[in-house]
Amino acid sequence: MNDEKGNDFGELKKKIVIERLMQAPPTMKISFGEQDGTFMSRDELIEHVKRDTDIGKNVVNVQLAYLKAFKKGVLGDH
């Protein structure tokens, strides 16, 4: 896979995660492993994903892991 396609795939992942985050209420707050216990809003998380920060990369990884587990049937009614 060349860099252009790899980059396109990375952008697609980010778009998927951003769309998923947009479905959450704007008042949602989440702590994403910050040691000071700060919580971020949905929109702050989206900005991290868009800017490709370390937090944004973690958000993408967690969301994609969730989707993969959901697809495999790990999450859901048993």
PDB file of N, CA and C in Angstrom:
ATOM      1  N   MET A   1       0.852  -1.175   0.000  1.00  0.00           N
ATOM      2  CA  MET A   1       0.000   0.000   0.000  1.00  0.00           C
ATOM      3  C   MET A   1       0.890   1.228   0.000  1.00  0.00           C
ATOM      4  N   ASN A   2       0.622   2.162  -0.911  1.00  0.00           N
ATOM      5  CA  ASN A   2       1.456   3.361  -0.940  1.00  0.00           C
ATOM      6  C   ASN A   2       0.948   4.386   0.072  1.00  0.00           C
ATOM      7  N   ASP A   3       1.742   5.440   0.280  1.00  0.00           N
ATOM      8  CA  ASP A   3       1.402   6.446   1.285  1.00  0.00           C
ATOM      9  C   ASP A   3       0.063   7.104   1.010  1.00  0.00           C
ATOM     10  N   GLU A   4      -0.225   7.375  -0.270  1.00  0.00           N
ATOM     11  CA  GLU A   4      -1.474   8.049  -0.607  1.00  0.00           C
ATOM     12  C   GLU A   4      -2.673   7.207  -0.199  1.00  0.00           C
ATOM     13  N   LYS A   5      -2.652   5.926  -0.532  1.00  0.00           N
ATOM     14  CA  LYS A   5      -3.774   5.062  -0.159  1.00  0.00           C
ATOM     15  C   LYS A   5      -3.839   4.874   1.346  1.00  0.00           C
ATOM     16  N   GLY A   6      -2.693   4.726   1.981  1.00  0.00           N
ATOM     17  CA  GLY A   6      -2.661   4.588   3.435  1.00  0.00           C
ATOM     18  C   GLY A   6      -3.225   5.816   4.113  1.00  0.00           C
ATOM     19  N   ASN A   7      -2.872   6.986   3.586  1.00  0.00           N
ATOM     20  CA  ASN A   7      -3.382   8.233   4.130  1.00  0.00           C
ATOM     21  C   ASN A   7      -4.884   8.335   3.913  1.00  0.00           C
ATOM     22  N   ASP A   8      -5.354   7.929   2.730  1.00  0.00           N
ATOM     23  CA  ASP A   8      -6.790   7.949   2.451  1.00  0.00           C
ATOM     24  C   ASP A   8      -7.537   7.047   3.420  1.00  0.00           C
ATOM     25  N   PHE A   9      -6.958   5.859   3.708  1.00  0.00           N
ATOM     26  CA  PHE A   9      -7.581   4.923   4.629  1.00  0.00           C
ATOM     27  C   PHE A   9      -7.621   5.512   6.031  1.00  0.00           C
ATOM     28  N   GLY A  10      -6.553   6.191   6.432  1.00  0.00           N
ATOM     29  CA  GLY A  10      -6.522   6.852   7.736  1.00  0.00           C
ATOM     30  C   GLY A  10      -7.561   7.949   7.827  1.00  0.00           C
ATOM     31  N   GLU A  11      -7.727   8.696   6.746  1.00  0.00           N
ATOM     32  CA  GLU A  11      -8.743   9.757   6.724  1.00  0.00           C
ATOM     33  C   GLU A  11     -10.151   9.160   6.796  1.00  0.00           C
ATOM     34  N   LEU A  12     -10.368   8.030   6.145  1.00  0.00           N
ATOM     35  CA  LEU A  12     -11.663   7.361   6.207  1.00  0.00           C
ATOM     36  C   LEU A  12     -11.970   6.921   7.642  1.00  0.00           C
ATOM     37  N   LYS A  13     -10.975   6.368   8.321  1.00  0.00           N
ATOM     38  CA  LYS A  13     -11.158   5.968   9.719  1.00  0.00           C
ATOM     39  C   LYS A  13     -11.560   7.170  10.566  1.00  0.00           C
ATOM     40  N   LYS A  14     -10.846   8.284  10.369  1.00  0.00           N
ATOM     41  CA  LYS A  14     -11.158   9.487  11.139  1.00  0.00           C
ATOM     42  C   LYS A  14     -12.574   9.971  10.853  1.00  0.00           C
ATOM     43  N   LYS A  15     -12.989   9.934   9.585  1.00  0.00           N
ATOM     44  CA  LYS A  15     -14.343  10.372   9.236  1.00  0.00           C
ATOM     45  C   LYS A  15     -15.390   9.487   9.896  1.00  0.00           C
ATOM     46  N   ILE A  16     -15.151   8.189   9.912  1.00  0.00           N
ATOM     47  CA  ILE A  16     -16.089   7.261  10.547  1.00  0.00           C
ATOM     48  C   ILE A  16     -16.210   7.577  12.036  1.00  0.00           C
ATOM     49  N   VAL A  17     -15.081   7.773  12.693  1.00  0.00           N
ATOM     50  CA  VAL A  17     -15.092   8.061  14.128  1.00  0.00           C
ATOM     51  C   VAL A  17     -15.752   9.401  14.404  1.00  0.00           C
ATOM     52  N   ILE A  18     -15.467  10.397  13.597  1.00  0.00           N
ATOM     53  CA  ILE A  18     -16.102  11.710  13.791  1.00  0.00           C
ATOM     54  C   ILE A  18     -17.611  11.593  13.648  1.00  0.00           C
ATOM     55  N   GLU A  19     -18.074  10.856  12.653  1.00  0.00           N
ATOM     56  CA  GLU A  19     -19.529  10.671  12.476  1.00  0.00           C
ATOM     57  C   GLU A  19     -20.138   9.953  13.672  1.00  0.00           C
ATOM     58  N   ARG A  20     -19.421   8.965  14.212  1.00  0.00           N
ATOM     59  CA  ARG A  20     -19.920   8.265  15.403  1.00  0.00           C
ATOM     60  C   ARG A  20     -19.990   9.227  16.592  1.00  0.00           C
ATOM     61  N   LEU A  21     -18.951  10.029  16.774  1.00  0.00           N
ATOM     62  CA  LEU A  21     -18.945  10.982  17.882  1.00  0.00           C
ATOM     63  C   LEU A  21     -20.056  12.018  17.736  1.00  0.00           C
ATOM     64  N   MET A  22     -20.355  12.411  16.502  1.00  0.00           N
ATOM     65  CA  MET A  22     -21.415  13.398  16.268  1.00  0.00           C
ATOM     66  C   MET A  22     -22.786  12.881  16.712  1.00  0.00           C
ATOM     67  N   GLN A  23     -22.936  11.573  16.834  1.00  0.00           N
ATOM     68  CA  GLN A  23     -24.203  10.991  17.268  1.00  0.00           C
ATOM     69  C   GLN A  23     -24.405  11.110  18.774  1.00  0.00           C
ATOM     70  N   ALA A  24     -23.336  11.370  19.498  1.00  0.00           N
ATOM     71  CA  ALA A  24     -23.427  11.537  20.952  1.00  0.00           C
ATOM     72  C   ALA A  24     -23.979  12.922  21.267  1.00  0.00           C
ATOM     73  N   PRO A  25     -24.634  13.056  22.408  1.00  0.00           N
ATOM     74  CA  PRO A  25     -25.131  14.386  22.779  1.00  0.00           C
ATOM     75  C   PRO A  25     -23.975  15.365  22.966  1.00  0.00           C
ATOM     76  N   PRO A  26     -24.160  16.623  22.594  1.00  0.00           N
ATOM     77  CA  PRO A  26     -23.077  17.605  22.717  1.00  0.00           C
ATOM     78  C   PRO A  26     -22.668  17.845  24.170  1.00  0.00           C
ATOM     79  N   THR A  27     -23.512  17.468  25.096  1.00  0.00           N
ATOM     80  CA  THR A  27     -23.203  17.655  26.522  1.00  0.00           C
ATOM     81  C   THR A  27     -22.406  16.495  27.106  1.00  0.00           C
ATOM     82  N   MET A  28     -22.167  15.467  26.311  1.00  0.00           N
ATOM     83  CA  MET A  28     -21.420  14.309  26.776  1.00  0.00           C
ATOM     84  C   MET A  28     -20.014  14.730  27.186  1.00  0.00           C
ATOM     85  N   LYS A  29     -19.541  14.175  28.286  1.00  0.00           N
ATOM     86  CA  LYS A  29     -18.167  14.399  28.750  1.00  0.00           C
ATOM     87  C   LYS A  29     -17.525  13.043  28.943  1.00  0.00           C
ATOM     88  N   ILE A  30     -16.244  12.938  28.611  1.00  0.00           N
ATOM     89  CA  ILE A  30     -15.528  11.677  28.752  1.00  0.00           C
ATOM     90  C   ILE A  30     -14.108  11.945  29.209  1.00  0.00           C
ATOM     91  N   SER A  31     -13.613  11.080  30.070  1.00  0.00           N
ATOM     92  CA  SER A  31     -12.220  11.128  30.473  1.00  0.00           C
ATOM     93  C   SER A  31     -11.494  10.107  29.617  1.00  0.00           C
ATOM     94  N   PHE A  32     -10.426  10.535  28.988  1.00  0.00           N
ATOM     95  CA  PHE A  32      -9.744   9.645  28.057  1.00  0.00           C
ATOM     96  C   PHE A  32      -8.318   9.388  28.515  1.00  0.00           C
ATOM     97  N   GLY A  33      -8.182   8.935  29.750  1.00  0.00           N
ATOM     98  CA  GLY A  33      -6.883   8.536  30.261  1.00  0.00           C
ATOM     99  C   GLY A  33      -5.996   9.664  30.736  1.00  0.00           C
ATOM    100  N   GLU A  34      -6.536  10.851  30.828  1.00  0.00           N
ATOM    101  CA  GLU A  34      -5.739  11.971  31.324  1.00  0.00           C
ATOM    102  C   GLU A  34      -5.546  11.797  32.824  1.00  0.00           C
ATOM    103  N   GLN A  35      -4.335  11.939  33.288  1.00  0.00           N
ATOM    104  CA  GLN A  35      -4.031  11.686  34.685  1.00  0.00           C
ATOM    105  C   GLN A  35      -4.594  12.743  35.619  1.00  0.00           C
ATOM    106  N   ASP A  36      -4.892  13.927  35.105  1.00  0.00           N
ATOM    107  CA  ASP A  36      -5.423  14.976  35.974  1.00  0.00           C
ATOM    108  C   ASP A  36      -6.940  14.868  36.147  1.00  0.00           C
ATOM    109  N   GLY A  37      -7.553  13.869  35.552  1.00  0.00           N
ATOM    110  CA  GLY A  37      -8.981  13.637  35.727  1.00  0.00           C
ATOM    111  C   GLY A  37      -9.872  14.581  34.947  1.00  0.00           C
ATOM    112  N   THR A  38      -9.334  15.278  33.970  1.00  0.00           N
ATOM    113  CA  THR A  38     -10.161  16.187  33.188  1.00  0.00           C
ATOM    114  C   THR A  38     -11.069  15.402  32.244  1.00  0.00           C
ATOM    115  N   PHE A  39     -12.211  15.975  31.993  1.00  0.00           N
ATOM    116  CA  PHE A  39     -13.169  15.400  31.069  1.00  0.00           C
ATOM    117  C   PHE A  39     -13.256  16.305  29.849  1.00  0.00           C
ATOM    118  N   MET A  40     -13.421  15.695  28.685  1.00  0.00           N
ATOM    119  CA  MET A  40     -13.532  16.454  27.449  1.00  0.00           C
ATOM    120  C   MET A  40     -14.937  16.308  26.889  1.00  0.00           C
ATOM    121  N   SER A  41     -15.370  17.339  26.204  1.00  0.00           N
ATOM    122  CA  SER A  41     -16.680  17.290  25.554  1.00  0.00           C
ATOM    123  C   SER A  41     -16.572  16.520  24.241  1.00  0.00           C
ATOM    124  N   ARG A  42     -17.704  16.190  23.704  1.00  0.00           N
ATOM    125  CA  ARG A  42     -17.768  15.526  22.405  1.00  0.00           C
ATOM    126  C   ARG A  42     -17.007  16.335  21.364  1.00  0.00           C
ATOM    127  N   ASP A  43     -17.228  17.642  21.342  1.00  0.00           N
ATOM    128  CA  ASP A  43     -16.597  18.501  20.340  1.00  0.00           C
ATOM    129  C   ASP A  43     -15.085  18.585  20.530  1.00  0.00           C
ATOM    130  N   GLU A  44     -14.624  18.550  21.774  1.00  0.00           N
ATOM    131  CA  GLU A  44     -13.172  18.542  22.013  1.00  0.00           C
ATOM    132  C   GLU A  44     -12.552  17.249  21.489  1.00  0.00           C
ATOM    133  N   LEU A  45     -13.236  16.119  21.704  1.00  0.00           N
ATOM    134  CA  LEU A  45     -12.749  14.847  21.181  1.00  0.00           C
ATOM    135  C   LEU A  45     -12.676  14.881  19.664  1.00  0.00           C
ATOM    136  N   ILE A  46     -13.692  15.439  19.034  1.00  0.00           N
ATOM    137  CA  ILE A  46     -13.708  15.544  17.574  1.00  0.00           C
ATOM    138  C   ILE A  46     -12.533  16.384  17.094  1.00  0.00           C
ATOM    139  N   GLU A  47     -12.239  17.467  17.779  1.00  0.00           N
ATOM    140  CA  GLU A  47     -11.100  18.310  17.395  1.00  0.00           C
ATOM    141  C   GLU A  47      -9.783  17.548  17.518  1.00  0.00           C
ATOM    142  N   HIS A  48      -9.650  16.745  18.548  1.00  0.00           N
ATOM    143  CA  HIS A  48      -8.439  15.932  18.699  1.00  0.00           C
ATOM    144  C   HIS A  48      -8.302  14.943  17.549  1.00  0.00           C
ATOM    145  N   VAL A  49      -9.410  14.343  17.151  1.00  0.00           N
ATOM    146  CA  VAL A  49      -9.372  13.407  16.022  1.00  0.00           C
ATOM    147  C   VAL A  49      -8.981  14.152  14.746  1.00  0.00           C
ATOM    148  N   LYS A  50      -9.600  15.293  14.507  1.00  0.00           N
ATOM    149  CA  LYS A  50      -9.303  16.064  13.296  1.00  0.00           C
ATOM    150  C   LYS A  50      -7.845  16.499  13.244  1.00  0.00           C
ATOM    151  N   ARG A  51      -7.282  16.897  14.397  1.00  0.00           N
ATOM    152  CA  ARG A  51      -5.902  17.381  14.436  1.00  0.00           C
ATOM    153  C   ARG A  51      -4.886  16.249  14.543  1.00  0.00           C
ATOM    154  N   ASP A  52      -5.378  15.027  14.671  1.00  0.00           N
ATOM    155  CA  ASP A  52      -4.509  13.848  14.708  1.00  0.00           C
ATOM    156  C   ASP A  52      -3.539  13.888  15.890  1.00  0.00           C
ATOM    157  N   THR A  53      -4.032  14.349  17.042  1.00  0.00           N
ATOM    158  CA  THR A  53      -3.218  14.374  18.261  1.00  0.00           C
ATOM    159  C   THR A  53      -3.130  12.955  18.834  1.00  0.00           C
ATOM    160  N   ASP A  54      -2.312  12.786  19.859  1.00  0.00           N
ATOM    161  CA  ASP A  54      -2.224  11.482  20.519  1.00  0.00           C
ATOM    162  C   ASP A  54      -3.585  11.059  21.068  1.00  0.00           C
ATOM    163  N   ILE A  55      -4.293  11.999  21.672  1.00  0.00           N
ATOM    164  CA  ILE A  55      -5.630  11.683  22.190  1.00  0.00           C
ATOM    165  C   ILE A  55      -6.546  11.310  21.037  1.00  0.00           C
ATOM    166  N   GLY A  56      -6.481  12.051  19.950  1.00  0.00           N
ATOM    167  CA  GLY A  56      -7.310  11.752  18.780  1.00  0.00           C
ATOM    168  C   GLY A  56      -7.029  10.369  18.223  1.00  0.00           C
ATOM    169  N   LYS A  57      -5.754  10.004  18.167  1.00  0.00           N
ATOM    170  CA  LYS A  57      -5.391   8.667  17.681  1.00  0.00           C
ATOM    171  C   LYS A  57      -5.944   7.592  18.608  1.00  0.00           C
ATOM    172  N   ASN A  58      -5.899   7.842  19.918  1.00  0.00           N
ATOM    173  CA  ASN A  58      -6.460   6.884  20.872  1.00  0.00           C
ATOM    174  C   ASN A  58      -7.970   6.761  20.712  1.00  0.00           C
ATOM    175  N   VAL A  59      -8.638   7.871  20.486  1.00  0.00           N
ATOM    176  CA  VAL A  59     -10.088   7.840  20.275  1.00  0.00           C
ATOM    177  C   VAL A  59     -10.407   6.985  19.053  1.00  0.00           C
ATOM    178  N   VAL A  60      -9.675   7.186  17.967  1.00  0.00           N
ATOM    179  CA  VAL A  60      -9.892   6.406  16.745  1.00  0.00           C
ATOM    180  C   VAL A  60      -9.669   4.922  17.032  1.00  0.00           C
ATOM    181  N   ASN A  61      -8.582   4.592  17.705  1.00  0.00           N
ATOM    182  CA  ASN A  61      -8.280   3.189  17.993  1.00  0.00           C
ATOM    183  C   ASN A  61      -9.360   2.536  18.852  1.00  0.00           C
ATOM    184  N   VAL A  62      -9.828   3.239  19.860  1.00  0.00           N
ATOM    185  CA  VAL A  62     -10.869   2.690  20.738  1.00  0.00           C
ATOM    186  C   VAL A  62     -12.170   2.500  19.968  1.00  0.00           C
ATOM    187  N   GLN A  63     -12.550   3.485  19.180  1.00  0.00           N
ATOM    188  CA  GLN A  63     -13.788   3.385  18.413  1.00  0.00           C
ATOM    189  C   GLN A  63     -13.732   2.247  17.394  1.00  0.00           C
ATOM    190  N   LEU A  64     -12.606   2.102  16.719  1.00  0.00           N
ATOM    191  CA  LEU A  64     -12.476   1.031  15.735  1.00  0.00           C
ATOM    192  C   LEU A  64     -12.451  -0.339  16.406  1.00  0.00           C
ATOM    193  N   ALA A  65     -11.824  -0.434  17.575  1.00  0.00           N
ATOM    194  CA  ALA A  65     -11.831  -1.701  18.317  1.00  0.00           C
ATOM    195  C   ALA A  65     -13.262  -2.058  18.730  1.00  0.00           C
ATOM    196  N   TYR A  66     -14.024  -1.056  19.141  1.00  0.00           N
ATOM    197  CA  TYR A  66     -15.427  -1.285  19.497  1.00  0.00           C
ATOM    198  C   TYR A  66     -16.205  -1.809  18.290  1.00  0.00           C
ATOM    199  N   LEU A  67     -16.040  -1.167  17.151  1.00  0.00           N
ATOM    200  CA  LEU A  67     -16.765  -1.591  15.951  1.00  0.00           C
ATOM    201  C   LEU A  67     -16.378  -3.009  15.528  1.00  0.00           C
ATOM    202  N   LYS A  68     -15.098  -3.347  15.636  1.00  0.00           N
ATOM    203  CA  LYS A  68     -14.654  -4.703  15.291  1.00  0.00           C
ATOM    204  C   LYS A  68     -15.259  -5.725  16.242  1.00  0.00           C
ATOM    205  N   ALA A  69     -15.278  -5.412  17.531  1.00  0.00           N
ATOM    206  CA  ALA A  69     -15.867  -6.327  18.518  1.00  0.00           C
ATOM    207  C   ALA A  69     -17.362  -6.475  18.276  1.00  0.00           C
ATOM    208  N   PHE A  70     -18.017  -5.386  17.950  1.00  0.00           N
ATOM    209  CA  PHE A  70     -19.454  -5.429  17.662  1.00  0.00           C
ATOM    210  C   PHE A  70     -19.724  -6.310  16.453  1.00  0.00           C
ATOM    211  N   LYS A  71     -18.902  -6.167  15.425  1.00  0.00           N
ATOM    212  CA  LYS A  71     -19.061  -6.969  14.209  1.00  0.00           C
ATOM    213  C   LYS A  71     -18.887  -8.455  14.512  1.00  0.00           C
ATOM    214  N   LYS A  72     -17.934  -8.794  15.356  1.00  0.00           N
ATOM    215  CA  LYS A  72     -17.671 -10.190  15.698  1.00  0.00           C
ATOM    216  C   LYS A  72     -18.726 -10.768  16.649  1.00  0.00           C
ATOM    217  N   GLY A  73     -19.597  -9.916  17.155  1.00  0.00           N
ATOM    218  CA  GLY A  73     -20.622 -10.390  18.080  1.00  0.00           C
ATOM    219  C   GLY A  73     -20.174 -10.456  19.515  1.00  0.00           C
ATOM    220  N   VAL A  74     -19.002  -9.881  19.814  1.00  0.00           N
ATOM    221  CA  VAL A  74     -18.510  -9.866  21.178  1.00  0.00           C
ATOM    222  C   VAL A  74     -19.392  -8.967  22.031  1.00  0.00           C
ATOM    223  N   LEU A  75     -19.892  -7.907  21.452  1.00  0.00           N
ATOM    224  CA  LEU A  75     -20.798  -6.985  22.141  1.00  0.00           C
ATOM    225  C   LEU A  75     -22.204  -7.230  21.638  1.00  0.00           C
ATOM    226  N   GLY A  76     -23.139  -7.169  22.511  1.00  0.00           N
ATOM    227  CA  GLY A  76     -24.525  -7.353  22.093  1.00  0.00           C
ATOM    228  C   GLY A  76     -25.210  -8.417  22.929  1.00  0.00           C
ATOM    229  N   ASP A  77     -26.399  -8.789  22.517  1.00  0.00           N
ATOM    230  CA  ASP A  77     -27.186  -9.778  23.258  1.00  0.00           C
ATOM    231  C   ASP A  77     -26.598 -11.156  23.100  1.00  0.00           C
ATOM    232  N   HIS A  78     -26.471 -11.855  24.196  1.00  0.00           N
ATOM    233  CA  HIS A  78     -25.950 -13.237  24.163  1.00  0.00           C
ATOM    234  C   HIS A  78     -27.026 -14.187  24.589  1.00  0.00           C
TER     235      HIS A  78
END
